[in-house]
Amino acid sequence: MNELIWLLFALLNFGMIVVVYKLFGRIGLFGWIAMGTVLANIQVTKTIDLFGLEATLGNIMYGTLFLVTDTLNEKYGLKDAKKAIYIGFSALIGMVIIMQVALMFEPASSDFAHDSLATIFDIMPRIALGSIIAYIVSQLLDVHLFQRIKRIYSSNRTLYVRNIGSTLVSQLVYTAIFVPIAFVGTHEPEVVWSIFITTYFIKLLVALLDTPFVYLMKHINPIDQD
């Protein structure tokens, strides 16, 4: 059932972004970037079997960030797209620092949550390091590449070219940076390679799935024009 849940989960995420944008405009997209960056790095600690391979969760949520920045880039320009990237970057660093300090507190005898939090956030600095480096490099590459492609394919009909083209390249860069930093030494080499392959494969699927939503969001007039 993982594949079916994955597809429904992807559609749910993209649909929620559309609603957020309709209600709150650019501010809503900036908020999604902050939330999505944090959630993607929490979800990536969970591995699942997907399409016959072992993969990390979080690929969909991370893919939504490219949908958001591509929408901002298309409708509002490079400046707003880069602003969203820096918001996500700041949110990730803030989460790591805050949660590491939170884990320093000695839990009470009645506490039931500390061990679960430690399971996730004790490994977060390493994952976050990989994610921070991969995030800032790949996202900046994505928004600049999007603009480069737009100079050649600028019509509404070719929006899919700049959306998918920029995402495929930047997601490959992200995966090549993130997976070795986050998982080499904590997983067997064959598992790391499987994670690399499935991570990029799933990101390709996400890029294809989000394209109709880019067209939809381009023609939405937000209630809050901010």
N, C-alpha and C. Protein backbone atom coordinates (compact mmCIF):
# COMPACT_ATOMS: atom_id res chain seq x y z
N MET A 1 0.82 -1.22 0.00
CA MET A 1 0.00 0.00 0.00
C MET A 1 0.84 1.26 0.00
N ASN A 2 2.17 1.13 0.21
CA ASN A 2 3.00 2.33 0.31
C ASN A 2 2.91 3.20 -0.94
N GLU A 3 2.87 2.55 -2.11
CA GLU A 3 2.85 3.32 -3.36
C GLU A 3 1.56 4.14 -3.48
N LEU A 4 0.44 3.53 -3.10
CA LEU A 4 -0.84 4.25 -3.15
C LEU A 4 -0.85 5.39 -2.15
N ILE A 5 -0.39 5.11 -0.93
CA ILE A 5 -0.33 6.16 0.09
C ILE A 5 0.58 7.29 -0.37
N TRP A 6 1.70 6.92 -1.00
CA TRP A 6 2.65 7.92 -1.47
C TRP A 6 2.00 8.85 -2.50
N LEU A 7 1.26 8.27 -3.45
CA LEU A 7 0.60 9.07 -4.48
C LEU A 7 -0.43 10.00 -3.85
N LEU A 8 -1.23 9.47 -2.95
CA LEU A 8 -2.25 10.29 -2.29
C LEU A 8 -1.60 11.37 -1.43
N PHE A 9 -0.49 11.02 -0.80
CA PHE A 9 0.23 11.98 0.03
C PHE A 9 0.77 13.12 -0.80
N ALA A 10 1.30 12.79 -1.98
CA ALA A 10 1.81 13.83 -2.88
C ALA A 10 0.69 14.77 -3.31
N LEU A 11 -0.44 14.21 -3.72
CA LEU A 11 -1.57 15.04 -4.14
C LEU A 11 -2.10 15.89 -2.99
N LEU A 12 -2.08 15.32 -1.78
CA LEU A 12 -2.52 16.07 -0.60
C LEU A 12 -1.61 17.27 -0.36
N ASN A 13 -0.30 17.05 -0.43
CA ASN A 13 0.65 18.14 -0.22
C ASN A 13 0.48 19.25 -1.25
N PHE A 14 0.41 18.87 -2.52
CA PHE A 14 0.27 19.87 -3.57
C PHE A 14 -1.05 20.61 -3.46
N GLY A 15 -2.11 19.86 -3.12
CA GLY A 15 -3.41 20.49 -2.95
C GLY A 15 -3.42 21.49 -1.81
N MET A 16 -2.73 21.16 -0.72
CA MET A 16 -2.66 22.08 0.42
C MET A 16 -1.91 23.35 0.06
N ILE A 17 -0.86 23.22 -0.77
CA ILE A 17 -0.13 24.41 -1.19
C ILE A 17 -1.03 25.33 -1.99
N VAL A 18 -1.85 24.76 -2.88
CA VAL A 18 -2.78 25.56 -3.67
C VAL A 18 -3.74 26.32 -2.76
N VAL A 19 -4.27 25.64 -1.73
CA VAL A 19 -5.20 26.28 -0.80
C VAL A 19 -4.50 27.39 -0.03
N VAL A 20 -3.30 27.11 0.47
CA VAL A 20 -2.53 28.10 1.21
C VAL A 20 -2.27 29.33 0.36
N TYR A 21 -1.91 29.11 -0.90
CA TYR A 21 -1.64 30.24 -1.79
C TYR A 21 -2.90 31.03 -2.09
N LYS A 22 -4.00 30.34 -2.31
CA LYS A 22 -5.26 31.03 -2.58
C LYS A 22 -5.68 31.91 -1.40
N LEU A 23 -5.47 31.41 -0.18
CA LEU A 23 -5.91 32.14 1.01
C LEU A 23 -4.94 33.26 1.42
N PHE A 24 -3.63 32.99 1.29
CA PHE A 24 -2.65 33.90 1.89
C PHE A 24 -1.63 34.48 0.92
N GLY A 25 -1.68 34.11 -0.36
CA GLY A 25 -0.77 34.67 -1.33
C GLY A 25 0.68 34.33 -1.05
N ARG A 26 1.57 35.24 -1.38
CA ARG A 26 3.00 34.99 -1.21
C ARG A 26 3.37 34.67 0.22
N ILE A 27 2.72 35.35 1.18
CA ILE A 27 3.02 35.11 2.60
C ILE A 27 2.77 33.65 2.95
N GLY A 28 1.71 33.08 2.41
CA GLY A 28 1.42 31.68 2.64
C GLY A 28 2.50 30.77 2.09
N LEU A 29 3.05 31.12 0.92
CA LEU A 29 4.12 30.32 0.33
C LEU A 29 5.41 30.43 1.15
N PHE A 30 5.69 31.62 1.66
CA PHE A 30 6.85 31.77 2.53
C PHE A 30 6.69 30.91 3.80
N GLY A 31 5.48 30.90 4.34
CA GLY A 31 5.21 30.08 5.51
C GLY A 31 5.36 28.60 5.22
N TRP A 32 4.90 28.17 4.03
CA TRP A 32 5.03 26.77 3.66
C TRP A 32 6.50 26.37 3.54
N ILE A 33 7.31 27.26 2.99
CA ILE A 33 8.74 26.97 2.85
C ILE A 33 9.36 26.69 4.22
N ALA A 34 9.05 27.51 5.20
CA ALA A 34 9.60 27.33 6.55
C ALA A 34 9.13 26.00 7.14
N MET A 35 7.83 25.75 7.06
CA MET A 35 7.28 24.50 7.61
C MET A 35 7.80 23.29 6.85
N GLY A 36 7.79 23.37 5.52
CA GLY A 36 8.19 22.24 4.71
C GLY A 36 9.64 21.85 4.87
N THR A 37 10.51 22.84 5.04
CA THR A 37 11.93 22.55 5.24
C THR A 37 12.15 21.77 6.53
N VAL A 38 11.46 22.18 7.59
CA VAL A 38 11.57 21.49 8.88
C VAL A 38 10.99 20.08 8.78
N LEU A 39 9.78 19.94 8.23
CA LEU A 39 9.13 18.63 8.16
C LEU A 39 9.91 17.67 7.26
N ALA A 40 10.45 18.16 6.16
CA ALA A 40 11.20 17.28 5.26
C ALA A 40 12.39 16.67 5.96
N ASN A 41 13.05 17.44 6.82
CA ASN A 41 14.23 16.93 7.51
C ASN A 41 13.88 16.04 8.69
N ILE A 42 12.67 16.11 9.18
CA ILE A 42 12.20 15.15 10.18
C ILE A 42 11.77 13.86 9.50
N GLN A 43 11.03 13.99 8.42
CA GLN A 43 10.52 12.82 7.72
C GLN A 43 11.63 11.98 7.11
N VAL A 44 12.74 12.60 6.74
CA VAL A 44 13.82 11.86 6.07
C VAL A 44 14.48 10.84 7.00
N THR A 45 14.24 10.93 8.31
CA THR A 45 14.79 9.94 9.24
C THR A 45 14.07 8.60 9.15
N LYS A 46 12.92 8.58 8.49
CA LYS A 46 12.15 7.35 8.34
C LYS A 46 12.40 6.74 6.97
N THR A 47 12.73 5.44 6.93
CA THR A 47 12.92 4.75 5.66
C THR A 47 11.72 3.85 5.39
N ILE A 48 11.36 3.75 4.13
CA ILE A 48 10.21 2.96 3.72
C ILE A 48 10.57 2.15 2.48
N ASP A 49 9.79 1.09 2.23
CA ASP A 49 9.91 0.34 0.99
C ASP A 49 8.97 0.95 -0.04
N LEU A 50 9.53 1.33 -1.18
CA LEU A 50 8.74 2.03 -2.19
C LEU A 50 9.23 1.59 -3.57
N PHE A 51 8.30 1.13 -4.39
CA PHE A 51 8.62 0.67 -5.74
C PHE A 51 9.72 -0.39 -5.74
N GLY A 52 9.69 -1.24 -4.70
CA GLY A 52 10.64 -2.35 -4.62
C GLY A 52 12.01 -1.97 -4.11
N LEU A 53 12.19 -0.72 -3.69
CA LEU A 53 13.48 -0.25 -3.20
C LEU A 53 13.31 0.41 -1.84
N GLU A 54 14.41 0.55 -1.11
CA GLU A 54 14.38 1.24 0.17
C GLU A 54 14.60 2.73 -0.06
N ALA A 55 13.71 3.53 0.49
CA ALA A 55 13.76 4.98 0.26
C ALA A 55 13.50 5.70 1.57
N THR A 56 13.87 6.97 1.59
CA THR A 56 13.58 7.79 2.76
C THR A 56 12.29 8.57 2.52
N LEU A 57 11.54 8.75 3.59
CA LEU A 57 10.39 9.63 3.52
C LEU A 57 10.91 11.07 3.50
N GLY A 58 10.11 11.98 3.08
CA GLY A 58 10.54 13.37 3.04
C GLY A 58 10.75 13.89 1.63
N ASN A 59 10.81 12.97 0.65
CA ASN A 59 11.05 13.41 -0.72
C ASN A 59 9.89 14.23 -1.27
N ILE A 60 8.67 13.87 -0.89
CA ILE A 60 7.52 14.63 -1.35
C ILE A 60 7.54 16.03 -0.74
N MET A 61 7.73 16.08 0.57
CA MET A 61 7.73 17.38 1.24
C MET A 61 8.85 18.26 0.70
N TYR A 62 10.02 17.67 0.47
CA TYR A 62 11.10 18.47 -0.09
C TYR A 62 10.77 18.91 -1.51
N GLY A 63 10.10 18.04 -2.26
CA GLY A 63 9.71 18.40 -3.61
C GLY A 63 8.73 19.56 -3.65
N THR A 64 7.92 19.70 -2.60
CA THR A 64 6.97 20.82 -2.57
C THR A 64 7.70 22.16 -2.49
N LEU A 65 8.92 22.15 -1.95
CA LEU A 65 9.67 23.40 -1.85
C LEU A 65 10.03 23.93 -3.22
N PHE A 66 10.30 23.01 -4.15
CA PHE A 66 10.61 23.43 -5.53
C PHE A 66 9.35 23.94 -6.22
N LEU A 67 8.20 23.34 -5.91
CA LEU A 67 6.94 23.85 -6.45
C LEU A 67 6.72 25.28 -5.98
N VAL A 68 6.99 25.53 -4.72
CA VAL A 68 6.79 26.88 -4.17
C VAL A 68 7.75 27.87 -4.79
N THR A 69 9.04 27.53 -4.84
CA THR A 69 10.01 28.50 -5.38
C THR A 69 9.80 28.71 -6.88
N ASP A 70 9.40 27.67 -7.60
CA ASP A 70 9.13 27.84 -9.03
C ASP A 70 7.91 28.74 -9.24
N THR A 71 6.90 28.59 -8.39
CA THR A 71 5.71 29.45 -8.49
C THR A 71 6.08 30.90 -8.19
N LEU A 72 6.85 31.11 -7.13
CA LEU A 72 7.29 32.47 -6.79
C LEU A 72 8.14 33.05 -7.92
N ASN A 73 9.02 32.24 -8.47
CA ASN A 73 9.90 32.68 -9.54
C ASN A 73 9.09 33.07 -10.78
N GLU A 74 8.09 32.27 -11.09
CA GLU A 74 7.28 32.50 -12.29
C GLU A 74 6.41 33.74 -12.15
N LYS A 75 5.79 33.93 -10.97
CA LYS A 75 4.80 34.98 -10.80
C LYS A 75 5.37 36.27 -10.22
N TYR A 76 6.40 36.16 -9.39
CA TYR A 76 6.88 37.34 -8.67
C TYR A 76 8.35 37.68 -8.94
N GLY A 77 9.09 36.72 -9.51
CA GLY A 77 10.46 37.02 -9.87
C GLY A 77 11.51 36.37 -8.98
N LEU A 78 12.75 36.50 -9.39
CA LEU A 78 13.88 35.84 -8.74
C LEU A 78 14.06 36.30 -7.30
N LYS A 79 13.83 37.58 -7.03
CA LYS A 79 14.05 38.12 -5.68
C LYS A 79 13.19 37.40 -4.65
N ASP A 80 11.90 37.22 -4.94
CA ASP A 80 11.01 36.55 -3.99
C ASP A 80 11.34 35.06 -3.87
N ALA A 81 11.76 34.45 -4.97
CA ALA A 81 12.13 33.03 -4.91
C ALA A 81 13.35 32.84 -4.01
N LYS A 82 14.32 33.72 -4.11
CA LYS A 82 15.51 33.62 -3.26
C LYS A 82 15.17 33.96 -1.81
N LYS A 83 14.24 34.88 -1.61
CA LYS A 83 13.81 35.19 -0.25
C LYS A 83 13.21 33.96 0.42
N ALA A 84 12.42 33.19 -0.31
CA ALA A 84 11.83 31.97 0.22
C ALA A 84 12.91 30.96 0.59
N ILE A 85 13.94 30.86 -0.24
CA ILE A 85 15.04 29.94 0.05
C ILE A 85 15.72 30.31 1.35
N TYR A 86 15.98 31.58 1.56
CA TYR A 86 16.66 32.01 2.78
C TYR A 86 15.77 31.83 4.02
N ILE A 87 14.46 31.95 3.85
CA ILE A 87 13.54 31.69 4.95
C ILE A 87 13.62 30.22 5.36
N GLY A 88 13.59 29.32 4.37
CA GLY A 88 13.70 27.90 4.66
C GLY A 88 15.03 27.55 5.30
N PHE A 89 16.09 28.16 4.81
CA PHE A 89 17.43 27.95 5.35
C PHE A 89 17.49 28.36 6.83
N SER A 90 16.91 29.50 7.14
CA SER A 90 16.90 30.00 8.52
C SER A 90 16.06 29.10 9.42
N ALA A 91 14.93 28.62 8.91
CA ALA A 91 14.05 27.75 9.69
C ALA A 91 14.76 26.45 10.05
N LEU A 92 15.51 25.90 9.11
CA LEU A 92 16.22 24.64 9.35
C LEU A 92 17.31 24.81 10.41
N ILE A 93 18.08 25.87 10.28
CA ILE A 93 19.13 26.11 11.27
C ILE A 93 18.52 26.36 12.65
N GLY A 94 17.44 27.13 12.69
CA GLY A 94 16.77 27.39 13.96
C GLY A 94 16.26 26.12 14.61
N MET A 95 15.66 25.23 13.82
CA MET A 95 15.16 23.98 14.37
C MET A 95 16.27 23.14 14.98
N VAL A 96 17.38 23.03 14.28
CA VAL A 96 18.49 22.21 14.77
C VAL A 96 19.02 22.75 16.10
N ILE A 97 19.25 24.04 16.16
CA ILE A 97 19.79 24.63 17.39
C ILE A 97 18.81 24.48 18.55
N ILE A 98 17.55 24.81 18.31
CA ILE A 98 16.55 24.76 19.37
C ILE A 98 16.36 23.35 19.90
N MET A 99 16.29 22.35 18.99
CA MET A 99 16.05 20.98 19.44
C MET A 99 17.27 20.38 20.13
N GLN A 100 18.47 20.78 19.74
CA GLN A 100 19.65 20.28 20.45
C GLN A 100 19.68 20.80 21.89
N VAL A 101 19.30 22.05 22.08
CA VAL A 101 19.23 22.60 23.44
C VAL A 101 18.10 21.93 24.21
N ALA A 102 16.97 21.69 23.56
CA ALA A 102 15.83 21.05 24.23
C ALA A 102 16.20 19.66 24.75
N LEU A 103 17.03 18.94 24.02
CA LEU A 103 17.43 17.59 24.45
C LEU A 103 18.39 17.62 25.64
N MET A 104 18.98 18.76 25.95
CA MET A 104 19.88 18.86 27.09
C MET A 104 19.15 18.82 28.42
N PHE A 105 17.86 19.15 28.41
CA PHE A 105 17.10 19.12 29.65
C PHE A 105 16.95 17.69 30.15
N GLU A 106 17.16 17.48 31.43
CA GLU A 106 16.98 16.16 32.04
C GLU A 106 15.49 15.88 32.14
N PRO A 107 15.01 14.78 31.56
CA PRO A 107 13.57 14.51 31.60
C PRO A 107 13.10 14.11 33.00
N ALA A 108 11.85 14.43 33.30
CA ALA A 108 11.25 14.03 34.57
C ALA A 108 10.99 12.54 34.57
N SER A 109 10.78 11.99 35.75
CA SER A 109 10.54 10.55 35.88
C SER A 109 9.27 10.13 35.15
N SER A 110 8.32 11.05 35.02
CA SER A 110 7.06 10.73 34.36
C SER A 110 7.10 10.96 32.85
N ASP A 111 8.25 11.45 32.35
CA ASP A 111 8.36 11.79 30.93
C ASP A 111 8.27 10.54 30.06
N PHE A 112 7.60 10.68 28.92
CA PHE A 112 7.50 9.57 27.97
C PHE A 112 7.99 9.96 26.57
N ALA A 113 8.35 11.23 26.39
CA ALA A 113 8.64 11.71 25.04
C ALA A 113 10.13 11.87 24.75
N HIS A 114 10.96 11.98 25.78
CA HIS A 114 12.37 12.33 25.55
C HIS A 114 13.08 11.33 24.64
N ASP A 115 12.91 10.04 24.91
CA ASP A 115 13.63 9.04 24.12
C ASP A 115 13.22 9.09 22.66
N SER A 116 11.93 9.32 22.43
CA SER A 116 11.45 9.40 21.04
C SER A 116 12.02 10.63 20.35
N LEU A 117 12.05 11.75 21.06
CA LEU A 117 12.63 12.96 20.49
C LEU A 117 14.12 12.78 20.22
N ALA A 118 14.80 12.11 21.16
CA ALA A 118 16.24 11.89 20.99
C ALA A 118 16.52 10.99 19.80
N THR A 119 15.66 10.00 19.58
CA THR A 119 15.84 9.11 18.44
C THR A 119 15.87 9.88 17.13
N ILE A 120 15.02 10.89 17.04
CA ILE A 120 14.94 11.68 15.82
C ILE A 120 16.01 12.77 15.79
N PHE A 121 16.08 13.54 16.86
CA PHE A 121 16.87 14.77 16.79
C PHE A 121 18.33 14.60 17.20
N ASP A 122 18.70 13.44 17.80
CA ASP A 122 20.11 13.20 18.07
C ASP A 122 20.90 13.04 16.78
N ILE A 123 20.25 12.50 15.74
CA ILE A 123 20.95 12.35 14.47
C ILE A 123 20.70 13.55 13.55
N MET A 124 19.87 14.48 14.01
CA MET A 124 19.51 15.62 13.17
C MET A 124 20.70 16.49 12.77
N PRO A 125 21.70 16.75 13.63
CA PRO A 125 22.80 17.62 13.19
C PRO A 125 23.47 17.12 11.92
N ARG A 126 23.69 15.81 11.82
CA ARG A 126 24.34 15.28 10.62
C ARG A 126 23.42 15.41 9.41
N ILE A 127 22.17 15.03 9.59
CA ILE A 127 21.21 15.15 8.49
C ILE A 127 21.05 16.62 8.11
N ALA A 128 20.96 17.47 9.13
CA ALA A 128 20.78 18.90 8.87
C ALA A 128 21.98 19.49 8.15
N LEU A 129 23.19 19.04 8.51
CA LEU A 129 24.39 19.54 7.83
C LEU A 129 24.31 19.22 6.34
N GLY A 130 23.99 17.96 6.04
CA GLY A 130 23.84 17.58 4.64
C GLY A 130 22.74 18.35 3.96
N SER A 131 21.63 18.52 4.68
CA SER A 131 20.49 19.21 4.11
C SER A 131 20.76 20.69 3.90
N ILE A 132 21.43 21.32 4.86
CA ILE A 132 21.73 22.75 4.75
C ILE A 132 22.59 23.02 3.53
N ILE A 133 23.66 22.23 3.38
CA ILE A 133 24.55 22.43 2.23
C ILE A 133 23.82 22.14 0.93
N ALA A 134 23.13 20.97 0.89
CA ALA A 134 22.44 20.57 -0.33
C ALA A 134 21.30 21.53 -0.65
N TYR A 135 20.60 21.98 0.39
CA TYR A 135 19.45 22.86 0.21
C TYR A 135 19.85 24.18 -0.43
N ILE A 136 20.83 24.84 0.15
CA ILE A 136 21.18 26.18 -0.33
C ILE A 136 21.78 26.11 -1.73
N VAL A 137 22.59 25.08 -2.00
CA VAL A 137 23.20 24.94 -3.33
C VAL A 137 22.15 24.61 -4.37
N SER A 138 21.32 23.60 -4.09
CA SER A 138 20.36 23.14 -5.10
C SER A 138 19.24 24.14 -5.33
N GLN A 139 18.78 24.79 -4.27
CA GLN A 139 17.68 25.74 -4.43
C GLN A 139 18.13 26.99 -5.19
N LEU A 140 19.30 27.50 -4.88
CA LEU A 140 19.80 28.66 -5.62
C LEU A 140 20.06 28.29 -7.08
N LEU A 141 20.58 27.07 -7.29
CA LEU A 141 20.77 26.61 -8.66
C LEU A 141 19.43 26.53 -9.39
N ASP A 142 18.42 26.03 -8.69
CA ASP A 142 17.09 25.86 -9.30
C ASP A 142 16.50 27.19 -9.75
N VAL A 143 16.52 28.20 -8.88
CA VAL A 143 15.86 29.46 -9.23
C VAL A 143 16.61 30.20 -10.34
N HIS A 144 17.94 30.10 -10.34
CA HIS A 144 18.70 30.75 -11.41
C HIS A 144 18.56 29.99 -12.72
N LEU A 145 18.55 28.66 -12.65
CA LEU A 145 18.37 27.86 -13.86
C LEU A 145 16.98 28.07 -14.43
N PHE A 146 15.99 28.20 -13.56
CA PHE A 146 14.61 28.47 -13.99
C PHE A 146 14.58 29.75 -14.83
N GLN A 147 15.24 30.80 -14.36
CA GLN A 147 15.27 32.06 -15.09
C GLN A 147 16.03 31.93 -16.41
N ARG A 148 17.11 31.15 -16.41
CA ARG A 148 17.86 30.93 -17.64
C ARG A 148 16.99 30.25 -18.70
N ILE A 149 16.28 29.20 -18.28
CA ILE A 149 15.42 28.47 -19.21
C ILE A 149 14.27 29.36 -19.67
N LYS A 150 13.78 30.21 -18.78
CA LYS A 150 12.66 31.09 -19.12
C LYS A 150 13.03 32.06 -20.23
N ARG A 151 14.30 32.43 -20.32
CA ARG A 151 14.73 33.33 -21.37
C ARG A 151 14.57 32.69 -22.75
N ILE A 152 14.64 31.37 -22.80
CA ILE A 152 14.50 30.64 -24.06
C ILE A 152 13.08 30.16 -24.27
N TYR A 153 12.49 29.58 -23.20
CA TYR A 153 11.12 29.07 -23.26
C TYR A 153 10.26 29.92 -22.31
N SER A 154 9.75 31.01 -22.83
CA SER A 154 9.10 32.01 -21.97
C SER A 154 7.58 31.98 -22.01
N SER A 155 6.99 31.18 -22.88
CA SER A 155 5.54 31.21 -23.01
C SER A 155 4.87 30.40 -21.91
N ASN A 156 3.57 30.61 -21.74
CA ASN A 156 2.80 29.83 -20.77
C ASN A 156 2.81 28.34 -21.12
N ARG A 157 2.81 28.05 -22.42
CA ARG A 157 2.77 26.66 -22.86
C ARG A 157 4.03 25.90 -22.48
N THR A 158 5.14 26.61 -22.36
CA THR A 158 6.41 25.95 -22.05
C THR A 158 6.80 26.10 -20.58
N LEU A 159 5.84 26.44 -19.74
CA LEU A 159 6.11 26.53 -18.31
C LEU A 159 6.64 25.20 -17.78
N TYR A 160 6.12 24.09 -18.31
CA TYR A 160 6.56 22.78 -17.85
C TYR A 160 8.05 22.55 -18.14
N VAL A 161 8.56 23.16 -19.21
CA VAL A 161 9.97 22.97 -19.56
C VAL A 161 10.86 23.60 -18.49
N ARG A 162 10.56 24.83 -18.10
CA ARG A 162 11.40 25.48 -17.09
C ARG A 162 11.16 24.89 -15.70
N ASN A 163 9.93 24.44 -15.42
CA ASN A 163 9.64 23.83 -14.13
C ASN A 163 10.36 22.49 -13.98
N ILE A 164 10.14 21.59 -14.92
CA ILE A 164 10.74 20.26 -14.83
C ILE A 164 12.24 20.32 -15.07
N GLY A 165 12.67 21.10 -16.06
CA GLY A 165 14.10 21.16 -16.39
C GLY A 165 14.96 21.64 -15.24
N SER A 166 14.55 22.74 -14.61
CA SER A 166 15.33 23.28 -13.49
C SER A 166 15.30 22.34 -12.29
N THR A 167 14.15 21.70 -12.07
CA THR A 167 14.01 20.81 -10.91
C THR A 167 14.83 19.54 -11.07
N LEU A 168 14.84 18.95 -12.24
CA LEU A 168 15.59 17.71 -12.45
C LEU A 168 17.08 17.90 -12.19
N VAL A 169 17.63 19.00 -12.68
CA VAL A 169 19.05 19.26 -12.48
C VAL A 169 19.35 19.56 -11.01
N SER A 170 18.58 20.44 -10.42
CA SER A 170 18.84 20.85 -9.03
C SER A 170 18.58 19.72 -8.04
N GLN A 171 17.61 18.86 -8.32
CA GLN A 171 17.35 17.73 -7.44
C GLN A 171 18.48 16.70 -7.51
N LEU A 172 19.08 16.54 -8.68
CA LEU A 172 20.23 15.64 -8.79
C LEU A 172 21.39 16.17 -7.96
N VAL A 173 21.61 17.47 -8.02
CA VAL A 173 22.67 18.09 -7.22
C VAL A 173 22.39 17.92 -5.74
N TYR A 174 21.13 18.16 -5.35
CA TYR A 174 20.76 18.00 -3.94
C TYR A 174 21.03 16.57 -3.46
N THR A 175 20.59 15.59 -4.23
CA THR A 175 20.75 14.20 -3.84
C THR A 175 22.22 13.81 -3.75
N ALA A 176 23.01 14.27 -4.70
CA ALA A 176 24.44 13.93 -4.72
C ALA A 176 25.18 14.53 -3.52
N ILE A 177 24.70 15.64 -3.00
CA ILE A 177 25.33 16.26 -1.82
C ILE A 177 24.79 15.66 -0.53
N PHE A 178 23.46 15.54 -0.45
CA PHE A 178 22.82 15.18 0.81
C PHE A 178 23.04 13.73 1.22
N VAL A 179 22.81 12.80 0.32
CA VAL A 179 22.82 11.38 0.69
C VAL A 179 24.16 10.94 1.28
N PRO A 180 25.32 11.24 0.66
CA PRO A 180 26.59 10.82 1.27
C PRO A 180 26.83 11.43 2.65
N ILE A 181 26.53 12.71 2.80
CA ILE A 181 26.76 13.36 4.09
C ILE A 181 25.87 12.77 5.17
N ALA A 182 24.61 12.51 4.84
CA ALA A 182 23.63 12.09 5.84
C ALA A 182 23.73 10.60 6.19
N PHE A 183 24.12 9.75 5.24
CA PHE A 183 23.93 8.32 5.45
C PHE A 183 25.19 7.46 5.35
N VAL A 184 26.27 7.96 4.75
CA VAL A 184 27.50 7.15 4.69
C VAL A 184 28.03 6.96 6.11
N GLY A 185 28.25 5.70 6.49
CA GLY A 185 28.73 5.40 7.83
C GLY A 185 27.63 4.99 8.79
N THR A 186 26.40 5.39 8.50
CA THR A 186 25.27 4.97 9.35
C THR A 186 24.45 3.87 8.70
N HIS A 187 24.62 3.68 7.39
CA HIS A 187 23.95 2.61 6.66
C HIS A 187 24.99 1.84 5.84
N GLU A 188 24.66 0.60 5.50
CA GLU A 188 25.52 -0.18 4.63
C GLU A 188 25.63 0.49 3.26
N PRO A 189 26.76 0.32 2.55
CA PRO A 189 26.94 0.98 1.25
C PRO A 189 25.83 0.70 0.26
N GLU A 190 25.34 -0.56 0.24
CA GLU A 190 24.27 -0.88 -0.71
C GLU A 190 22.98 -0.17 -0.35
N VAL A 191 22.75 0.07 0.94
CA VAL A 191 21.56 0.80 1.37
C VAL A 191 21.69 2.28 0.98
N VAL A 192 22.89 2.83 1.16
CA VAL A 192 23.13 4.23 0.78
C VAL A 192 22.90 4.41 -0.72
N TRP A 193 23.41 3.47 -1.52
CA TRP A 193 23.23 3.55 -2.97
C TRP A 193 21.75 3.43 -3.32
N SER A 194 21.04 2.52 -2.64
CA SER A 194 19.61 2.37 -2.88
C SER A 194 18.86 3.64 -2.53
N ILE A 195 19.25 4.27 -1.42
CA ILE A 195 18.62 5.53 -1.02
C ILE A 195 18.88 6.61 -2.07
N PHE A 196 20.11 6.66 -2.58
CA PHE A 196 20.45 7.65 -3.62
C PHE A 196 19.58 7.46 -4.86
N ILE A 197 19.50 6.22 -5.34
CA ILE A 197 18.74 5.94 -6.56
C ILE A 197 17.26 6.24 -6.36
N THR A 198 16.71 5.72 -5.27
CA THR A 198 15.28 5.90 -5.05
C THR A 198 14.94 7.35 -4.74
N THR A 199 15.84 8.03 -4.02
CA THR A 199 15.59 9.44 -3.71
C THR A 199 15.46 10.26 -4.97
N TYR A 200 16.40 10.07 -5.89
CA TYR A 200 16.34 10.85 -7.13
C TYR A 200 15.18 10.41 -8.01
N PHE A 201 14.93 9.11 -8.09
CA PHE A 201 13.81 8.60 -8.87
C PHE A 201 12.49 9.17 -8.37
N ILE A 202 12.32 9.19 -7.07
CA ILE A 202 11.08 9.71 -6.49
C ILE A 202 10.98 11.21 -6.73
N LYS A 203 12.10 11.90 -6.65
CA LYS A 203 12.08 13.33 -6.92
C LYS A 203 11.68 13.61 -8.37
N LEU A 204 12.07 12.74 -9.29
CA LEU A 204 11.64 12.88 -10.68
C LEU A 204 10.12 12.75 -10.78
N LEU A 205 9.57 11.76 -10.07
CA LEU A 205 8.13 11.57 -10.08
C LEU A 205 7.41 12.78 -9.49
N VAL A 206 7.97 13.30 -8.39
CA VAL A 206 7.37 14.48 -7.75
C VAL A 206 7.39 15.67 -8.71
N ALA A 207 8.50 15.84 -9.44
CA ALA A 207 8.60 16.94 -10.39
C ALA A 207 7.55 16.83 -11.48
N LEU A 208 7.26 15.61 -11.92
CA LEU A 208 6.23 15.42 -12.93
C LEU A 208 4.84 15.66 -12.35
N LEU A 209 4.63 15.19 -11.12
CA LEU A 209 3.32 15.35 -10.49
C LEU A 209 2.99 16.81 -10.17
N ASP A 210 4.03 17.60 -9.85
CA ASP A 210 3.73 18.98 -9.42
C ASP A 210 3.50 19.94 -10.58
N THR A 211 3.83 19.50 -11.82
CA THR A 211 3.72 20.41 -12.97
C THR A 211 2.31 20.94 -13.19
N PRO A 212 1.26 20.11 -13.15
CA PRO A 212 -0.09 20.67 -13.29
C PRO A 212 -0.42 21.71 -12.22
N PHE A 213 0.15 21.52 -11.03
CA PHE A 213 -0.13 22.45 -9.95
C PHE A 213 0.58 23.79 -10.18
N VAL A 214 1.73 23.78 -10.85
CA VAL A 214 2.40 25.03 -11.21
C VAL A 214 1.51 25.84 -12.15
N TYR A 215 0.94 25.17 -13.15
CA TYR A 215 0.02 25.84 -14.08
C TYR A 215 -1.19 26.38 -13.33
N LEU A 216 -1.73 25.56 -12.41
CA LEU A 216 -2.90 25.98 -11.65
C LEU A 216 -2.59 27.21 -10.81
N MET A 217 -1.47 27.19 -10.11
CA MET A 217 -1.13 28.30 -9.22
C MET A 217 -0.80 29.57 -9.99
N LYS A 218 -0.30 29.42 -11.21
CA LYS A 218 -0.01 30.61 -12.01
C LYS A 218 -1.28 31.39 -12.32
N HIS A 219 -2.40 30.70 -12.41
CA HIS A 219 -3.65 31.36 -12.79
C HIS A 219 -4.55 31.64 -11.59
N ILE A 220 -4.06 31.39 -10.38
CA ILE A 220 -4.83 31.69 -9.19
C ILE A 220 -4.61 33.14 -8.78
N ASN A 221 -5.68 33.81 -8.45
CA ASN A 221 -5.60 35.13 -7.84
C ASN A 221 -5.86 34.99 -6.35
N PRO A 222 -4.84 35.15 -5.51
CA PRO A 222 -5.03 34.95 -4.08
C PRO A 222 -6.07 35.91 -3.49
N ILE A 223 -6.77 35.43 -2.46
CA ILE A 223 -7.71 36.30 -1.74
C ILE A 223 -6.95 37.42 -1.06
N ASP A 224 -5.83 37.05 -0.42
CA ASP A 224 -4.95 38.02 0.21
C ASP A 224 -3.83 38.35 -0.78
N GLN A 225 -3.89 39.51 -1.37
CA GLN A 225 -2.91 39.90 -2.38
C GLN A 225 -1.59 40.36 -1.77
N ASP A 226 -1.50 40.39 -0.42
CA ASP A 226 -0.33 40.87 0.33
C ASP A 226 0.38 41.99 -0.40
